């Protein structure tokens, strides 16, 4: 699993970060950190919304674990696939 953390950055510089993602340039920006591992736990020092793939997943502490040969997909609302394993 790969996690990109962007911190202490102005809105204008954040737009620059998004543009540089296409060629990997965001990894050279001072306020961007990259982490990888099988288990990642993040804790905010302040009240900041944590996003995962555009969805807000928490505000204080978030943990994720990669399990071998497992995948879980979450659906909102009614879906014929929500009980599928």
N, C-alpha and C. Protein backbone atom coordinates (compact mmCIF):
# COMPACT_ATOMS: atom_id res chain seq x y z
N UNK A 1 0.84 -1.15 0.00
CA UNK A 1 0.00 0.00 0.00
C UNK A 1 0.90 1.23 0.00
N UNK A 2 0.52 2.21 -0.77
CA UNK A 2 1.25 3.47 -0.83
C UNK A 2 0.37 4.58 -0.32
N UNK A 3 0.94 5.45 0.51
CA UNK A 3 0.23 6.59 1.08
C UNK A 3 1.03 7.85 0.78
N UNK A 4 0.34 8.87 0.30
CA UNK A 4 0.95 10.17 0.07
C UNK A 4 0.33 11.13 1.07
N UNK A 5 1.16 11.79 1.88
CA UNK A 5 0.70 12.77 2.86
C UNK A 5 1.17 14.16 2.43
N UNK A 6 0.21 15.08 2.32
CA UNK A 6 0.51 16.47 1.96
C UNK A 6 0.17 17.31 3.19
N UNK A 7 1.14 18.12 3.65
CA UNK A 7 0.93 18.86 4.90
C UNK A 7 1.52 20.26 4.81
N UNK A 8 0.96 21.15 5.62
CA UNK A 8 1.45 22.53 5.75
C UNK A 8 1.72 23.16 4.39
N UNK A 9 0.66 23.29 3.60
CA UNK A 9 0.84 23.73 2.22
C UNK A 9 -0.25 24.74 1.86
N UNK A 10 0.11 25.72 1.05
CA UNK A 10 -0.87 26.71 0.60
C UNK A 10 -1.72 26.11 -0.52
N UNK A 11 -2.87 26.73 -0.75
CA UNK A 11 -3.77 26.24 -1.81
C UNK A 11 -3.09 26.28 -3.17
N UNK A 12 -2.34 27.33 -3.45
CA UNK A 12 -1.64 27.44 -4.74
C UNK A 12 -0.62 26.33 -4.90
N UNK A 13 0.15 26.04 -3.85
CA UNK A 13 1.14 24.98 -3.95
C UNK A 13 0.46 23.61 -4.04
N UNK A 14 -0.71 23.46 -3.41
CA UNK A 14 -1.45 22.21 -3.51
C UNK A 14 -1.85 21.93 -4.96
N UNK A 15 -2.25 22.96 -5.67
CA UNK A 15 -2.58 22.80 -7.10
C UNK A 15 -1.35 22.35 -7.88
N UNK A 16 -0.19 22.86 -7.52
CA UNK A 16 1.06 22.44 -8.16
C UNK A 16 1.32 20.97 -7.91
N UNK A 17 1.06 20.54 -6.68
CA UNK A 17 1.25 19.13 -6.32
C UNK A 17 0.40 18.25 -7.22
N UNK A 18 -0.86 18.59 -7.40
CA UNK A 18 -1.76 17.78 -8.24
C UNK A 18 -1.25 17.67 -9.67
N UNK A 19 -0.75 18.76 -10.20
CA UNK A 19 -0.26 18.75 -11.58
C UNK A 19 0.97 17.84 -11.72
N UNK A 20 1.87 17.86 -10.73
CA UNK A 20 3.11 17.10 -10.84
C UNK A 20 2.93 15.60 -10.60
N UNK A 21 1.76 15.19 -10.15
CA UNK A 21 1.50 13.76 -9.90
C UNK A 21 1.67 12.94 -11.18
N UNK A 22 1.37 13.53 -12.33
CA UNK A 22 1.41 12.79 -13.59
C UNK A 22 2.80 12.26 -13.93
N UNK A 23 3.86 12.95 -13.52
CA UNK A 23 5.21 12.47 -13.81
C UNK A 23 6.02 12.15 -12.54
N UNK A 24 5.35 12.14 -11.38
CA UNK A 24 6.03 11.77 -10.14
C UNK A 24 6.78 12.92 -9.48
N UNK A 25 6.62 14.11 -10.00
CA UNK A 25 7.30 15.27 -9.44
C UNK A 25 6.86 15.64 -8.04
N UNK A 26 5.66 15.21 -7.65
CA UNK A 26 5.15 15.52 -6.31
C UNK A 26 6.02 14.92 -5.21
N UNK A 27 6.75 13.87 -5.53
CA UNK A 27 7.59 13.21 -4.53
C UNK A 27 8.83 14.05 -4.19
N UNK A 28 9.12 15.07 -4.99
CA UNK A 28 10.27 15.95 -4.74
C UNK A 28 9.89 17.25 -4.05
N UNK A 29 8.60 17.42 -3.72
CA UNK A 29 8.14 18.63 -3.07
C UNK A 29 8.30 18.49 -1.56
N UNK A 30 8.82 19.54 -0.92
CA UNK A 30 9.15 19.51 0.51
C UNK A 30 7.99 19.06 1.40
N UNK A 31 6.78 19.50 1.14
CA UNK A 31 5.64 19.22 2.00
C UNK A 31 4.87 17.96 1.62
N UNK A 32 5.47 17.11 0.83
CA UNK A 32 4.84 15.86 0.41
C UNK A 32 5.70 14.69 0.90
N UNK A 33 5.07 13.78 1.62
CA UNK A 33 5.77 12.59 2.10
C UNK A 33 5.10 11.35 1.52
N UNK A 34 5.90 10.36 1.22
CA UNK A 34 5.42 9.10 0.66
C UNK A 34 5.80 7.95 1.59
N UNK A 35 4.83 7.10 1.88
CA UNK A 35 5.06 5.94 2.75
C UNK A 35 4.52 4.70 2.07
N UNK A 36 5.10 3.56 2.35
CA UNK A 36 4.56 2.30 1.85
C UNK A 36 4.74 1.24 2.91
N UNK A 37 3.85 0.26 2.90
CA UNK A 37 3.94 -0.83 3.87
C UNK A 37 2.69 -1.68 3.84
N UNK A 38 2.69 -2.74 4.63
CA UNK A 38 1.53 -3.62 4.72
C UNK A 38 0.53 -3.14 5.76
N UNK A 39 0.99 -2.31 6.72
CA UNK A 39 0.10 -1.72 7.72
C UNK A 39 0.51 -0.28 7.93
N UNK A 40 -0.47 0.61 7.83
CA UNK A 40 -0.20 2.02 8.00
C UNK A 40 -1.20 2.60 8.98
N UNK A 41 -0.71 3.37 9.93
CA UNK A 41 -1.56 4.03 10.92
C UNK A 41 -1.16 5.50 10.95
N UNK A 42 -2.15 6.38 10.83
CA UNK A 42 -1.90 7.82 10.82
C UNK A 42 -2.73 8.48 11.91
N UNK A 43 -2.13 9.44 12.59
CA UNK A 43 -2.83 10.19 13.62
C UNK A 43 -2.58 11.67 13.40
N UNK A 44 -3.66 12.44 13.37
CA UNK A 44 -3.57 13.89 13.16
C UNK A 44 -3.20 14.59 14.45
N UNK A 45 -2.43 15.66 14.33
CA UNK A 45 -2.10 16.48 15.48
C UNK A 45 -3.19 17.52 15.73
N UNK A 46 -4.00 17.78 14.74
CA UNK A 46 -5.09 18.75 14.86
C UNK A 46 -6.35 18.16 14.29
N UNK A 47 -7.33 18.99 14.08
CA UNK A 47 -8.60 18.54 13.51
C UNK A 47 -8.54 18.69 12.00
N UNK A 48 -8.13 17.63 11.33
CA UNK A 48 -8.00 17.63 9.87
C UNK A 48 -8.76 16.43 9.32
N UNK A 49 -9.52 16.63 8.26
CA UNK A 49 -10.24 15.53 7.64
C UNK A 49 -9.27 14.66 6.85
N UNK A 50 -9.38 13.36 7.03
CA UNK A 50 -8.53 12.41 6.33
C UNK A 50 -9.33 11.84 5.16
N UNK A 51 -8.74 11.86 3.96
CA UNK A 51 -9.41 11.35 2.77
C UNK A 51 -8.70 10.12 2.24
N UNK A 52 -9.49 9.20 1.74
CA UNK A 52 -8.96 8.04 1.05
C UNK A 52 -9.65 7.94 -0.29
N UNK A 53 -8.93 8.16 -1.33
CA UNK A 53 -9.48 8.10 -2.68
C UNK A 53 -10.68 9.04 -2.85
N UNK A 54 -10.58 10.22 -2.22
CA UNK A 54 -11.62 11.23 -2.35
C UNK A 54 -12.75 11.13 -1.34
N UNK A 55 -12.77 10.09 -0.54
CA UNK A 55 -13.81 9.91 0.48
C UNK A 55 -13.24 10.26 1.85
N UNK A 56 -14.00 11.00 2.67
CA UNK A 56 -13.56 11.31 4.02
C UNK A 56 -13.72 10.06 4.87
N UNK A 57 -12.62 9.60 5.50
CA UNK A 57 -12.64 8.35 6.26
C UNK A 57 -12.37 8.57 7.75
N UNK A 58 -12.14 9.80 8.15
CA UNK A 58 -11.91 10.06 9.56
C UNK A 58 -11.33 11.44 9.79
N UNK A 59 -11.14 11.78 11.09
CA UNK A 59 -10.58 13.07 11.42
C UNK A 59 -9.42 12.96 12.41
N UNK A 60 -9.34 11.90 13.16
CA UNK A 60 -8.30 11.80 14.18
C UNK A 60 -7.25 10.76 13.85
N UNK A 61 -7.68 9.52 13.70
CA UNK A 61 -6.74 8.42 13.50
C UNK A 61 -7.31 7.45 12.47
N UNK A 62 -6.46 7.01 11.55
CA UNK A 62 -6.87 6.08 10.50
C UNK A 62 -5.83 4.98 10.41
N UNK A 63 -6.30 3.74 10.29
CA UNK A 63 -5.37 2.61 10.13
C UNK A 63 -5.86 1.75 8.97
N UNK A 64 -4.90 1.18 8.24
CA UNK A 64 -5.23 0.30 7.12
C UNK A 64 -4.25 -0.85 7.11
N UNK A 65 -4.76 -2.04 6.79
CA UNK A 65 -3.95 -3.24 6.75
C UNK A 65 -4.20 -3.95 5.42
N UNK A 66 -3.13 -4.41 4.78
CA UNK A 66 -3.26 -5.19 3.56
C UNK A 66 -3.26 -6.67 3.95
N UNK A 67 -4.31 -7.37 3.55
CA UNK A 67 -4.42 -8.80 3.84
C UNK A 67 -4.19 -9.59 2.56
N UNK A 68 -3.44 -10.65 2.64
CA UNK A 68 -3.12 -11.47 1.48
C UNK A 68 -4.38 -12.09 0.90
N UNK A 69 -4.56 -11.91 -0.40
CA UNK A 69 -5.66 -12.49 -1.17
C UNK A 69 -7.03 -12.11 -0.65
N UNK A 70 -7.17 -10.91 -0.11
CA UNK A 70 -8.46 -10.43 0.38
C UNK A 70 -8.76 -9.09 -0.28
N UNK A 71 -10.03 -8.88 -0.54
CA UNK A 71 -10.47 -7.57 -1.03
C UNK A 71 -11.88 -7.35 -0.50
N UNK A 72 -12.12 -6.16 -0.01
CA UNK A 72 -13.45 -5.81 0.48
C UNK A 72 -13.87 -4.54 -0.25
N UNK A 73 -15.05 -4.56 -0.80
CA UNK A 73 -15.58 -3.41 -1.51
C UNK A 73 -16.81 -2.95 -0.74
N UNK A 74 -16.88 -1.66 -0.44
CA UNK A 74 -18.02 -1.12 0.29
C UNK A 74 -18.91 -0.35 -0.67
N UNK A 75 -20.21 -0.54 -0.50
CA UNK A 75 -21.19 0.16 -1.32
C UNK A 75 -22.08 1.01 -0.43
N UNK A 76 -22.48 2.16 -0.91
CA UNK A 76 -23.45 2.98 -0.20
C UNK A 76 -24.83 2.67 -0.76
N UNK A 77 -25.82 2.65 0.12
CA UNK A 77 -27.19 2.42 -0.32
C UNK A 77 -27.44 0.99 -0.72
N UNK A 78 -28.52 0.76 -1.44
CA UNK A 78 -28.88 -0.59 -1.87
C UNK A 78 -28.08 -0.99 -3.10
N UNK A 79 -27.53 -2.17 -3.05
CA UNK A 79 -26.77 -2.68 -4.17
C UNK A 79 -26.92 -4.19 -4.19
N UNK A 80 -27.11 -4.78 -5.36
CA UNK A 80 -27.21 -6.24 -5.42
C UNK A 80 -25.90 -6.92 -5.08
N UNK A 81 -24.80 -6.17 -5.00
CA UNK A 81 -23.49 -6.74 -4.76
C UNK A 81 -23.00 -6.59 -3.32
N UNK A 82 -23.80 -5.94 -2.44
CA UNK A 82 -23.29 -5.59 -1.12
C UNK A 82 -23.00 -6.79 -0.24
N UNK A 83 -23.60 -7.95 -0.45
CA UNK A 83 -23.34 -9.12 0.36
C UNK A 83 -22.40 -10.13 -0.33
N UNK A 84 -21.84 -9.72 -1.43
CA UNK A 84 -20.95 -10.59 -2.20
C UNK A 84 -19.59 -10.71 -1.54
N UNK A 85 -19.04 -11.90 -1.47
CA UNK A 85 -17.71 -12.10 -0.86
C UNK A 85 -16.73 -12.59 -1.88
